[in-house]
Amino acid sequence: MKVTVVGAGAVGASCAEYIAIKDFASEVVLLDIKEGYAEGKAMDLMQTASLNGFDTKITGITNDYSKTAGSDIAVITSGVPRKPGMTREELIGINAGIVKTVSSNLLEHSPNAILIVVSNPMDTMTYLVHKSTDLPKNKIIGMGGALDSARFKYRLAEALEAPISDIDGMVIGGHSDTGMVPLASHATRNSINVTEFLTEERLSQVVEDTKVGGATLTKLLGTSAWYAPGAAVSSLVQAIACDQQKMFPCSTYLEGEYGLEDICIGVPVLLGKNGIEEIVNVPLSEAEKNKMKESAAGVSKTNGLLEL
């Protein structure tokens, strides 16, 4: 199993690290345009192999896509990260050109690869890959929902003062501060709905804290987060590589599902060896349906800024 990660910055390097530590891939190729940068990151990570007990080979490459040939899965993290005060949507101009070029170069050498898009604005970048490549829809996956759901579970565990292993929850909709739809109606602690433990006011605060999870970290760090995004990507890659048939909310191209057409947005999917094996229909409350429509309208507006 060969996995390529394009972009050796903080998010890309974290992706490579978590994938290697899980030890299910034979090789991870880390590619960047900055001379020697990916090579240095790869060497540093390989020097942890004996300490962390993995045998995955990590190779660093400077802008030579021929070395990515034969990749089964490729992750696109390339692009400009957010700075404090910026929205993900403000990144569209420069990141669209980068993502289009990267996806084209990857598929030239690995035409059967499954692509996972991380670059922001993530739903629109996923849509761009759909419109600019010939890949089937099951092989193009946007990462956002997996990360947003992890942040939702973190906030739920915090509010409940519970171990996070007790918590289950999911976020669908757009990967933006205003577009996320945390499914509070389905969130549980050991199969018991969290509404049995939290007041409506406290649960509303959890939802709002989740939606601004990325912005909160950007303000604290001065740039986008990387540990949780890297871990989220590694979970998606592992589910595909190991044919786990695991359910994650991911940005995928919809053709009528959830009442939406011609859009990439976060919905629950099953991930396996073919990428997206199935889009899962989860019943939503009327309020959640309305929020999903609002989220889709926001994503479509951003998509309209693309030059396809």
Protein backbone atom coordinates (compact mmCIF):
# COMPACT_ATOMS: atom_id res chain seq x y z
CA MET A 1 0.00 0.00 0.00
CA LYS A 2 1.56 3.27 -1.19
CA VAL A 3 0.22 6.59 0.08
CA THR A 4 1.29 10.01 -1.17
CA VAL A 5 0.84 13.18 0.86
CA VAL A 6 1.27 16.40 -1.11
CA GLY A 7 2.33 19.29 1.08
CA ALA A 8 4.95 18.73 3.77
CA GLY A 9 3.80 21.52 6.05
CA ALA A 10 2.42 20.93 9.52
CA VAL A 11 -0.77 19.18 8.35
CA GLY A 12 0.93 17.07 5.70
CA ALA A 13 3.76 16.00 8.00
CA SER A 14 1.23 15.06 10.71
CA CYS A 15 -0.67 12.97 8.14
CA ALA A 16 2.51 11.14 7.21
CA GLU A 17 3.45 10.63 10.87
CA TYR A 18 0.09 9.18 11.94
CA ILE A 19 -0.17 6.95 8.86
CA ALA A 20 3.33 5.60 9.48
CA ILE A 21 2.76 5.03 13.20
CA LYS A 22 -0.36 2.96 12.45
CA ASP A 23 1.94 0.76 10.32
CA PHE A 24 -0.58 -0.36 7.66
CA ALA A 25 1.14 1.25 4.64
CA SER A 26 4.34 -0.01 3.06
CA GLU A 27 5.38 3.46 1.90
CA VAL A 28 4.40 7.08 2.44
CA VAL A 29 5.69 9.61 -0.09
CA LEU A 30 5.82 13.19 1.21
CA LEU A 31 6.05 15.78 -1.59
CA ASP A 32 6.56 19.54 -1.42
CA ILE A 33 7.65 22.32 -3.79
CA LYS A 34 10.20 23.75 -1.33
CA GLU A 35 13.63 22.33 -2.04
CA GLY A 36 14.73 19.76 0.55
CA TYR A 37 11.78 20.43 2.86
CA ALA A 38 9.95 17.14 2.35
CA GLU A 39 13.24 15.26 2.41
CA GLY A 40 14.06 16.78 5.78
CA LYS A 41 10.65 16.04 7.24
CA ALA A 42 10.81 12.45 5.95
CA MET A 43 14.28 11.90 7.41
CA ASP A 44 13.21 13.30 10.77
CA LEU A 45 10.14 11.04 10.81
CA MET A 46 12.14 7.97 9.77
CA GLN A 47 14.44 8.55 12.72
CA THR A 48 11.43 7.95 14.97
CA ALA A 49 10.68 4.53 13.41
CA SER A 50 12.73 2.46 15.85
CA LEU A 51 11.33 4.48 18.76
CA ASN A 52 7.70 4.30 17.66
CA GLY A 53 7.88 0.74 16.32
CA PHE A 54 6.82 1.13 12.69
CA ASP A 55 8.25 -0.23 9.44
CA THR A 56 6.50 2.09 6.99
CA LYS A 57 9.05 3.74 4.68
CA ILE A 58 8.69 7.53 4.47
CA THR A 59 10.25 9.15 1.39
CA GLY A 60 10.61 12.90 0.88
CA ILE A 61 10.43 14.37 -2.64
CA THR A 62 10.84 17.88 -4.06
CA ASN A 63 8.20 18.45 -6.75
CA ASP A 64 8.88 15.21 -8.70
CA TYR A 65 5.52 13.55 -9.21
CA SER A 66 7.08 10.60 -11.04
CA LYS A 67 8.16 9.34 -7.60
CA THR A 68 4.50 9.17 -6.57
CA ALA A 69 3.68 6.67 -9.36
CA GLY A 70 1.59 3.71 -8.28
CA SER A 71 0.04 5.44 -5.28
CA ASP A 72 -3.13 3.76 -4.04
CA ILE A 73 -4.25 6.81 -2.04
CA ALA A 74 -3.13 10.44 -2.36
CA VAL A 75 -3.79 13.22 0.14
CA ILE A 76 -3.82 16.86 -0.98
CA THR A 77 -2.92 19.26 1.83
CA SER A 78 -1.27 21.85 -0.42
CA GLY A 79 -2.26 25.47 -0.21
CA VAL A 80 -2.12 28.55 1.96
CA PRO A 81 -3.19 27.95 5.59
CA ARG A 82 -5.56 30.23 7.46
CA LYS A 83 -4.30 33.16 9.47
CA PRO A 84 -6.16 34.71 12.41
CA GLY A 85 -9.30 36.50 11.22
CA MET A 86 -9.42 34.72 7.87
CA THR A 87 -12.27 32.51 6.75
CA ARG A 88 -11.61 29.30 4.86
CA GLU A 89 -13.46 30.83 1.88
CA GLU A 90 -10.91 33.64 1.56
CA LEU A 91 -8.31 31.08 0.50
CA ILE A 92 -10.16 30.06 -2.65
CA GLY A 93 -8.27 32.14 -5.22
CA ILE A 94 -4.77 30.80 -4.67
CA ASN A 95 -5.68 27.34 -3.39
CA ALA A 96 -7.91 26.49 -6.38
CA GLY A 97 -4.99 26.79 -8.78
CA ILE A 98 -2.76 24.72 -6.50
CA VAL A 99 -5.30 21.92 -5.99
CA LYS A 100 -6.11 21.68 -9.70
CA THR A 101 -2.43 21.38 -10.62
CA VAL A 102 -1.66 18.90 -7.84
CA SER A 103 -4.59 16.59 -8.66
CA SER A 104 -3.67 16.61 -12.35
CA ASN A 105 -0.02 15.75 -11.60
CA LEU A 106 -1.01 12.97 -9.19
CA LEU A 107 -3.42 11.31 -11.62
CA GLU A 108 -0.89 11.49 -14.46
CA HIS A 109 1.27 9.03 -12.52
CA SER A 110 -1.40 7.22 -10.45
CA PRO A 111 -4.60 7.24 -12.55
CA ASN A 112 -6.40 4.81 -10.22
CA ALA A 113 -5.57 6.58 -6.96
CA ILE A 114 -8.22 7.60 -4.44
CA LEU A 115 -7.86 11.30 -3.65
CA ILE A 116 -8.47 12.82 -0.21
CA VAL A 117 -8.78 16.61 -0.27
CA VAL A 118 -7.77 18.60 2.82
CA SER A 119 -7.01 22.04 1.32
CA ASN A 120 -9.44 24.85 2.19
CA PRO A 121 -12.13 25.79 1.42
CA MET A 122 -12.38 22.01 1.54
CA ASP A 123 -15.87 21.37 0.13
CA THR A 124 -15.21 23.68 -2.82
CA MET A 125 -11.77 22.19 -3.44
CA THR A 126 -13.35 18.72 -3.44
CA TYR A 127 -15.94 19.96 -5.94
CA LEU A 128 -13.13 21.40 -8.08
CA VAL A 129 -11.39 18.00 -8.22
CA HIS A 130 -14.68 16.44 -9.35
CA LYS A 131 -15.11 18.98 -12.12
CA SER A 132 -11.49 18.97 -13.32
CA THR A 133 -10.73 15.22 -13.34
CA ASP A 134 -12.29 12.07 -14.77
CA LEU A 135 -12.23 10.17 -11.47
CA PRO A 136 -15.49 8.50 -10.40
CA LYS A 137 -17.21 10.18 -7.45
CA ASN A 138 -16.36 7.38 -5.01
CA LYS A 139 -12.65 8.13 -5.43
CA ILE A 140 -12.80 11.81 -4.43
CA ILE A 141 -13.21 12.46 -0.71
CA GLY A 142 -13.17 15.68 1.29
CA MET A 143 -11.81 15.26 4.81
CA GLY A 144 -13.63 17.98 6.82
CA GLY A 145 -16.46 16.09 8.54
CA ALA A 146 -14.14 13.59 10.21
CA LEU A 147 -12.21 16.45 11.81
CA ASP A 148 -15.32 18.42 12.74
CA SER A 149 -16.84 15.32 14.37
CA ALA A 150 -13.69 14.78 16.43
CA ARG A 151 -13.96 18.37 17.64
CA PHE A 152 -17.65 17.87 18.45
CA LYS A 153 -16.86 14.78 20.54
CA TYR A 154 -14.11 16.67 22.33
CA ARG A 155 -16.53 19.45 23.28
CA LEU A 156 -19.21 16.95 24.33
CA ALA A 157 -16.78 15.07 26.57
CA GLU A 158 -15.67 18.38 28.07
CA ALA A 159 -19.26 19.41 28.82
CA LEU A 160 -20.17 16.00 30.23
CA GLU A 161 -16.90 15.66 32.17
CA ALA A 162 -16.75 12.19 30.64
CA PRO A 163 -14.00 10.11 29.02
CA ILE A 164 -14.07 10.72 25.30
CA SER A 165 -14.33 6.96 24.65
CA ASP A 166 -17.88 7.22 26.06
CA ILE A 167 -18.89 9.77 23.43
CA ASP A 168 -20.28 9.41 19.93
CA GLY A 169 -21.34 12.27 17.70
CA MET A 170 -21.26 13.46 14.12
CA VAL A 171 -21.02 16.72 12.20
CA ILE A 172 -22.35 17.00 8.65
CA GLY A 173 -22.69 19.96 6.30
CA GLY A 174 -20.04 22.34 5.05
CA HIS A 175 -16.58 22.54 6.58
CA SER A 176 -16.89 26.20 7.55
CA ASP A 177 -17.56 28.22 10.68
CA THR A 178 -21.15 28.85 9.62
CA GLY A 179 -21.85 25.70 7.60
CA MET A 180 -21.27 22.89 10.08
CA VAL A 181 -24.31 20.96 11.27
CA PRO A 182 -23.46 19.09 14.52
CA LEU A 183 -26.13 16.42 14.95
CA ALA A 184 -26.98 16.97 18.59
CA SER A 185 -30.11 14.83 18.17
CA HIS A 186 -27.92 11.79 17.48
CA ALA A 187 -25.07 12.47 19.94
CA THR A 188 -24.75 9.91 22.73
CA ARG A 189 -22.87 8.90 25.84
CA ASN A 190 -22.76 5.09 25.95
CA SER A 191 -25.84 4.93 23.69
CA ILE A 192 -27.82 7.39 25.84
CA ASN A 193 -28.67 10.67 24.11
CA VAL A 194 -26.68 13.56 25.54
CA THR A 195 -29.91 15.53 26.07
CA GLU A 196 -30.41 13.30 29.12
CA PHE A 197 -27.29 14.83 30.69
CA LEU A 198 -26.96 18.35 29.30
CA THR A 199 -29.31 21.31 29.39
CA GLU A 200 -30.46 22.77 26.09
CA GLU A 201 -28.36 25.86 26.80
CA ARG A 202 -25.19 23.86 27.48
CA LEU A 203 -25.70 21.69 24.42
CA SER A 204 -26.19 24.79 22.27
CA GLN A 205 -22.86 26.10 23.58
CA VAL A 206 -21.17 22.81 22.63
CA VAL A 207 -22.57 23.14 19.11
CA GLU A 208 -21.35 26.71 18.75
CA ASP A 209 -17.90 25.89 20.16
CA THR A 210 -17.64 23.04 17.65
CA LYS A 211 -18.51 25.25 14.70
CA VAL A 212 -15.73 27.72 15.52
CA GLY A 213 -13.27 24.98 16.50
CA GLY A 214 -10.87 25.74 13.66
CA ALA A 215 -11.07 29.52 14.11
CA THR A 216 -10.44 29.15 17.85
CA LEU A 217 -7.24 27.21 17.19
CA THR A 218 -6.13 29.57 14.43
CA LYS A 219 -6.45 32.48 16.84
CA LEU A 220 -4.44 30.66 19.51
CA LEU A 221 -1.77 29.22 17.19
CA GLY A 222 -1.49 31.97 14.59
CA THR A 223 -2.12 29.42 11.83
CA SER A 224 -4.29 26.39 11.10
CA ALA A 225 -4.25 23.38 13.43
CA TRP A 226 -2.36 20.24 12.39
CA TYR A 227 -2.49 17.40 14.94
CA ALA A 228 -6.23 16.70 14.71
CA PRO A 229 -6.39 17.25 10.92
CA GLY A 230 -3.49 14.84 10.47
CA ALA A 231 -5.15 12.25 12.71
CA ALA A 232 -8.46 12.65 10.85
CA VAL A 233 -6.78 12.06 7.49
CA SER A 234 -4.92 9.02 8.78
CA SER A 235 -8.21 7.49 9.96
CA LEU A 236 -9.75 7.91 6.51
CA VAL A 237 -6.67 6.49 4.80
CA GLN A 238 -6.62 3.49 7.14
CA ALA A 239 -10.34 2.81 6.61
CA ILE A 240 -9.74 2.69 2.85
CA ALA A 241 -6.42 0.83 2.91
CA CYS A 242 -7.71 -1.82 5.32
CA ASP A 243 -11.21 -2.04 3.78
CA GLN A 244 -12.75 -1.33 7.17
CA GLN A 245 -16.18 -0.22 5.93
CA LYS A 246 -16.13 2.44 8.66
CA MET A 247 -18.58 5.31 8.75
CA PHE A 248 -17.27 8.85 8.61
CA PRO A 249 -18.89 12.12 7.57
CA CYS A 250 -16.98 13.17 4.45
CA SER A 251 -17.47 15.71 1.70
CA THR A 252 -18.76 13.82 -1.31
CA TYR A 253 -20.53 14.66 -4.56
CA LEU A 254 -24.29 14.46 -4.15
CA GLU A 255 -26.80 13.66 -6.87
CA GLY A 256 -30.08 13.91 -5.02
CA GLU A 257 -29.00 12.48 -1.66
CA TYR A 258 -30.21 14.64 1.24
CA GLY A 259 -32.21 16.59 -1.35
CA LEU A 260 -29.04 18.16 -2.79
CA GLU A 261 -27.64 18.18 -6.32
CA ASP A 262 -24.29 19.05 -7.93
CA ILE A 263 -22.48 19.83 -4.69
CA CYS A 264 -19.77 18.36 -2.47
CA ILE A 265 -20.71 18.57 1.19
CA GLY A 266 -20.27 16.50 4.34
CA VAL A 267 -22.60 13.53 4.79
CA PRO A 268 -22.10 10.11 6.42
CA VAL A 269 -20.38 7.58 4.15
CA LEU A 270 -18.91 4.10 4.45
CA LEU A 271 -15.22 3.94 3.53
CA GLY A 272 -13.57 0.82 2.16
CA LYS A 273 -11.18 -0.39 -0.52
CA ASN A 274 -13.10 1.44 -3.28
CA GLY A 275 -13.14 4.73 -1.41
CA ILE A 276 -16.72 5.79 -0.74
CA GLU A 277 -18.63 2.52 -0.73
CA GLU A 278 -22.00 3.98 0.21
CA ILE A 279 -23.65 7.26 1.16
CA VAL A 280 -25.60 6.67 4.37
CA ASN A 281 -28.99 8.32 4.80
CA VAL A 282 -29.39 9.50 8.40
CA PRO A 283 -32.80 10.84 9.50
CA LEU A 284 -32.62 14.54 10.34
CA SER A 285 -34.92 16.75 12.37
CA GLU A 286 -36.64 19.60 10.56
CA ALA A 287 -34.22 22.04 12.17
CA GLU A 288 -31.23 19.97 10.98
CA LYS A 289 -32.69 19.73 7.46
CA ASN A 290 -33.04 23.50 7.34
CA LYS A 291 -29.50 24.01 8.60
CA MET A 292 -28.24 21.56 5.97
CA LYS A 293 -29.99 23.57 3.23
CA GLU A 294 -28.45 26.79 4.56
CA SER A 295 -25.04 25.13 4.66
CA ALA A 296 -25.42 23.89 1.08
CA ALA A 297 -26.39 27.37 -0.08
CA GLY A 298 -23.19 28.74 1.44
CA VAL A 299 -21.05 26.06 -0.21
CA SER A 300 -22.74 26.65 -3.58
CA LYS A 301 -22.03 30.38 -3.28
CA THR A 302 -18.34 29.64 -2.72
CA ASN A 303 -18.35 27.17 -5.63
CA GLY A 304 -19.59 30.00 -7.82
CA LEU A 305 -16.25 31.76 -7.34
CA LEU A 306 -14.44 28.93 -9.13
CA GLU A 307 -13.21 29.30 -12.68
CA LEU A 308 -14.11 25.87 -14.04
